[in-house]
Amino acid sequence: MEIAIHLPDDIAQRVRAQWEDLPRHVLESFVLDGFRARVLTTEDVRRLLGFETKFEVHAFLKDHEVPFYTLADLEHDRDTSRRLGL
């Protein structure tokens, strides 16, 4: 799916001065909001932003102060450890 937005020229000039690669900025903002809302997964983030590894995704999320390891993740890991007798 392709999505296009129309910006009046004066607004486009101002935002371009702030964010040189405006399409990338819009995509990253969309991805961050989607991940925060738990609509997008870390795999979705990786694919949408063209990262090769989950570590790149984690670094991106950390740079934007978005936690990627949740309490639910911790509980799942604890349950797994108990089942494995660790």
N, C-alpha and C. Protein backbone atom coordinates (compact mmCIF):
# COMPACT_ATOMS: atom_id res chain seq x y z
N MET A 1 0.84 -1.16 0.00
CA MET A 1 0.00 0.00 0.00
C MET A 1 0.89 1.24 0.00
N GLU A 2 0.54 2.17 -0.79
CA GLU A 2 1.24 3.45 -0.82
C GLU A 2 0.32 4.50 -0.21
N ILE A 3 0.91 5.37 0.58
CA ILE A 3 0.15 6.45 1.21
C ILE A 3 0.83 7.76 0.84
N ALA A 4 0.04 8.72 0.43
CA ALA A 4 0.59 10.03 0.08
C ALA A 4 -0.11 11.09 0.92
N ILE A 5 0.64 12.13 1.27
CA ILE A 5 0.04 13.26 1.98
C ILE A 5 0.37 14.53 1.21
N HIS A 6 -0.52 15.47 1.29
CA HIS A 6 -0.30 16.75 0.62
C HIS A 6 0.08 17.78 1.67
N LEU A 7 1.21 18.45 1.46
CA LEU A 7 1.64 19.52 2.34
C LEU A 7 1.69 20.82 1.54
N PRO A 8 1.09 21.87 2.06
CA PRO A 8 1.25 23.17 1.40
C PRO A 8 2.74 23.51 1.34
N ASP A 9 3.15 24.23 0.30
CA ASP A 9 4.56 24.52 0.07
C ASP A 9 5.25 25.17 1.25
N ASP A 10 4.58 26.12 1.91
CA ASP A 10 5.23 26.82 3.02
C ASP A 10 5.50 25.87 4.19
N ILE A 11 4.57 24.96 4.45
CA ILE A 11 4.77 23.98 5.52
C ILE A 11 5.85 22.98 5.11
N ALA A 12 5.82 22.55 3.87
CA ALA A 12 6.83 21.60 3.39
C ALA A 12 8.23 22.17 3.54
N GLN A 13 8.41 23.44 3.25
CA GLN A 13 9.73 24.07 3.39
C GLN A 13 10.19 24.06 4.85
N ARG A 14 9.29 24.40 5.75
CA ARG A 14 9.66 24.42 7.18
C ARG A 14 10.02 23.05 7.70
N VAL A 15 9.21 22.05 7.39
CA VAL A 15 9.50 20.72 7.92
C VAL A 15 10.72 20.11 7.24
N ARG A 16 10.95 20.45 5.98
CA ARG A 16 12.14 19.96 5.30
C ARG A 16 13.41 20.55 5.91
N ALA A 17 13.30 21.76 6.42
CA ALA A 17 14.44 22.38 7.11
C ALA A 17 14.75 21.63 8.41
N GLN A 18 13.73 21.10 9.03
CA GLN A 18 13.90 20.35 10.28
C GLN A 18 14.33 18.90 10.01
N TRP A 19 13.66 18.27 9.05
CA TRP A 19 13.92 16.86 8.73
C TRP A 19 14.23 16.75 7.24
N GLU A 20 15.49 16.62 6.94
CA GLU A 20 15.91 16.59 5.54
C GLU A 20 15.24 15.49 4.75
N ASP A 21 15.19 14.28 5.33
CA ASP A 21 14.55 13.14 4.67
C ASP A 21 13.15 12.99 5.25
N LEU A 22 12.25 13.82 4.80
CA LEU A 22 10.89 13.85 5.35
C LEU A 22 10.16 12.51 5.19
N PRO A 23 10.23 11.85 4.05
CA PRO A 23 9.54 10.55 3.95
C PRO A 23 10.03 9.54 4.99
N ARG A 24 11.34 9.52 5.23
CA ARG A 24 11.88 8.59 6.24
C ARG A 24 11.39 8.98 7.63
N HIS A 25 11.38 10.28 7.91
CA HIS A 25 10.90 10.74 9.22
C HIS A 25 9.43 10.34 9.44
N VAL A 26 8.62 10.51 8.43
CA VAL A 26 7.21 10.14 8.54
C VAL A 26 7.08 8.64 8.76
N LEU A 27 7.85 7.85 8.01
CA LEU A 27 7.81 6.40 8.17
C LEU A 27 8.24 5.99 9.58
N GLU A 28 9.34 6.57 10.06
CA GLU A 28 9.82 6.23 11.41
C GLU A 28 8.79 6.62 12.47
N SER A 29 8.16 7.77 12.31
CA SER A 29 7.13 8.20 13.27
C SER A 29 5.96 7.22 13.27
N PHE A 30 5.54 6.80 12.09
CA PHE A 30 4.46 5.83 11.96
C PHE A 30 4.83 4.52 12.66
N VAL A 31 6.06 4.06 12.41
CA VAL A 31 6.53 2.80 12.99
C VAL A 31 6.59 2.89 14.51
N LEU A 32 7.13 4.00 15.02
CA LEU A 32 7.21 4.17 16.47
C LEU A 32 5.83 4.18 17.11
N ASP A 33 4.89 4.91 16.52
CA ASP A 33 3.52 4.94 17.07
C ASP A 33 2.89 3.55 17.00
N GLY A 34 3.09 2.86 15.89
CA GLY A 34 2.53 1.52 15.74
C GLY A 34 3.10 0.54 16.73
N PHE A 35 4.40 0.65 17.00
CA PHE A 35 5.03 -0.25 17.96
C PHE A 35 4.56 0.07 19.38
N ARG A 36 4.50 1.36 19.71
CA ARG A 36 4.03 1.75 21.06
C ARG A 36 2.61 1.25 21.31
N ALA A 37 1.78 1.28 20.28
CA ALA A 37 0.39 0.83 20.40
C ALA A 37 0.27 -0.69 20.32
N ARG A 38 1.39 -1.38 20.13
CA ARG A 38 1.44 -2.83 20.01
C ARG A 38 0.68 -3.34 18.79
N VAL A 39 0.57 -2.48 17.77
CA VAL A 39 -0.01 -2.88 16.49
C VAL A 39 1.09 -3.50 15.63
N LEU A 40 2.31 -2.98 15.76
CA LEU A 40 3.45 -3.49 15.02
C LEU A 40 4.38 -4.26 15.94
N THR A 41 4.95 -5.32 15.43
CA THR A 41 5.91 -6.13 16.18
C THR A 41 7.33 -5.67 15.86
N THR A 42 8.30 -6.21 16.59
CA THR A 42 9.69 -5.87 16.27
C THR A 42 10.05 -6.38 14.87
N GLU A 43 9.48 -7.49 14.46
CA GLU A 43 9.72 -7.98 13.09
C GLU A 43 9.12 -7.03 12.06
N ASP A 44 7.94 -6.47 12.35
CA ASP A 44 7.35 -5.47 11.45
C ASP A 44 8.26 -4.25 11.35
N VAL A 45 8.77 -3.81 12.50
CA VAL A 45 9.67 -2.65 12.53
C VAL A 45 10.89 -2.94 11.67
N ARG A 46 11.46 -4.12 11.84
CA ARG A 46 12.64 -4.49 11.06
C ARG A 46 12.37 -4.43 9.57
N ARG A 47 11.27 -5.01 9.15
CA ARG A 47 10.93 -5.04 7.72
C ARG A 47 10.63 -3.65 7.18
N LEU A 48 9.83 -2.88 7.90
CA LEU A 48 9.43 -1.56 7.41
C LEU A 48 10.60 -0.60 7.29
N LEU A 49 11.55 -0.70 8.21
CA LEU A 49 12.67 0.24 8.19
C LEU A 49 13.91 -0.32 7.50
N GLY A 50 13.82 -1.56 7.02
CA GLY A 50 14.91 -2.14 6.26
C GLY A 50 16.12 -2.56 7.08
N PHE A 51 15.89 -2.87 8.35
CA PHE A 51 16.98 -3.35 9.19
C PHE A 51 17.22 -4.83 8.90
N GLU A 52 18.47 -5.24 9.07
CA GLU A 52 18.79 -6.64 8.82
C GLU A 52 18.67 -7.51 10.07
N THR A 53 18.85 -6.91 11.25
CA THR A 53 18.83 -7.70 12.48
C THR A 53 17.90 -7.08 13.52
N LYS A 54 17.52 -7.93 14.48
CA LYS A 54 16.70 -7.43 15.58
C LYS A 54 17.49 -6.47 16.46
N PHE A 55 18.82 -6.60 16.44
CA PHE A 55 19.65 -5.70 17.24
C PHE A 55 19.58 -4.27 16.71
N GLU A 56 19.46 -4.13 15.39
CA GLU A 56 19.27 -2.80 14.80
C GLU A 56 17.92 -2.22 15.24
N VAL A 57 16.92 -3.08 15.28
CA VAL A 57 15.59 -2.65 15.75
C VAL A 57 15.67 -2.19 17.19
N HIS A 58 16.33 -2.98 18.04
CA HIS A 58 16.44 -2.62 19.45
C HIS A 58 17.19 -1.31 19.61
N ALA A 59 18.24 -1.09 18.83
CA ALA A 59 18.99 0.17 18.90
C ALA A 59 18.12 1.34 18.47
N PHE A 60 17.34 1.16 17.41
CA PHE A 60 16.43 2.20 16.94
C PHE A 60 15.41 2.55 18.03
N LEU A 61 14.81 1.53 18.61
CA LEU A 61 13.81 1.77 19.66
C LEU A 61 14.45 2.43 20.88
N LYS A 62 15.64 2.00 21.25
CA LYS A 62 16.34 2.60 22.38
C LYS A 62 16.66 4.06 22.10
N ASP A 63 17.11 4.36 20.89
CA ASP A 63 17.42 5.75 20.50
C ASP A 63 16.20 6.66 20.63
N HIS A 64 15.02 6.06 20.46
CA HIS A 64 13.77 6.83 20.56
C HIS A 64 13.07 6.62 21.90
N GLU A 65 13.80 6.02 22.84
CA GLU A 65 13.31 5.81 24.20
C GLU A 65 11.99 5.03 24.25
N VAL A 66 11.92 4.01 23.41
CA VAL A 66 10.75 3.14 23.37
C VAL A 66 11.16 1.78 23.89
N PRO A 67 10.60 1.35 25.04
CA PRO A 67 10.98 0.04 25.58
C PRO A 67 10.51 -1.08 24.65
N PHE A 68 11.40 -2.06 24.45
CA PHE A 68 11.04 -3.17 23.59
C PHE A 68 10.97 -4.48 24.36
N TYR A 69 11.40 -4.47 25.61
CA TYR A 69 11.30 -5.67 26.46
C TYR A 69 10.30 -5.34 27.54
N THR A 70 9.16 -5.97 27.48
CA THR A 70 8.06 -5.63 28.37
C THR A 70 8.02 -6.55 29.59
N LEU A 71 7.18 -6.19 30.53
CA LEU A 71 6.96 -7.03 31.70
C LEU A 71 6.42 -8.39 31.26
N ALA A 72 5.57 -8.40 30.25
CA ALA A 72 5.05 -9.67 29.73
C ALA A 72 6.18 -10.53 29.17
N ASP A 73 7.15 -9.89 28.51
CA ASP A 73 8.32 -10.63 28.01
C ASP A 73 9.09 -11.26 29.17
N LEU A 74 9.29 -10.50 30.23
CA LEU A 74 10.01 -11.00 31.40
C LEU A 74 9.28 -12.19 32.01
N GLU A 75 7.97 -12.07 32.17
CA GLU A 75 7.19 -13.16 32.74
C GLU A 75 7.26 -14.40 31.86
N HIS A 76 7.21 -14.20 30.56
CA HIS A 76 7.32 -15.34 29.64
C HIS A 76 8.68 -16.01 29.78
N ASP A 77 9.73 -15.22 29.87
CA ASP A 77 11.08 -15.77 30.04
C ASP A 77 11.22 -16.51 31.37
N ARG A 78 10.62 -15.97 32.42
CA ARG A 78 10.66 -16.65 33.72
C ARG A 78 9.95 -17.99 33.67
N ASP A 79 8.76 -18.01 33.03
CA ASP A 79 8.02 -19.26 32.89
C ASP A 79 8.82 -20.29 32.10
N THR A 80 9.46 -19.85 31.05
CA THR A 80 10.28 -20.74 30.24
C THR A 80 11.43 -21.30 31.06
N SER A 81 12.09 -20.44 31.83
CA SER A 81 13.20 -20.90 32.68
C SER A 81 12.73 -21.94 33.69
N ARG A 82 11.56 -21.71 34.31
CA ARG A 82 11.03 -22.67 35.27
C ARG A 82 10.74 -24.01 34.62
N ARG A 83 10.14 -23.97 33.44
CA ARG A 83 9.81 -25.22 32.74
C ARG A 83 11.07 -25.99 32.37
N LEU A 84 12.12 -25.27 32.05
CA LEU A 84 13.37 -25.91 31.67
C LEU A 84 14.22 -26.29 32.87
N GLY A 85 13.76 -25.89 34.07
CA GLY A 85 14.48 -26.22 35.29
C GLY A 85 15.75 -25.41 35.48
N LEU A 86 15.74 -24.21 34.94
CA LEU A 86 16.94 -23.35 35.08
C LEU A 86 16.86 -22.46 36.29
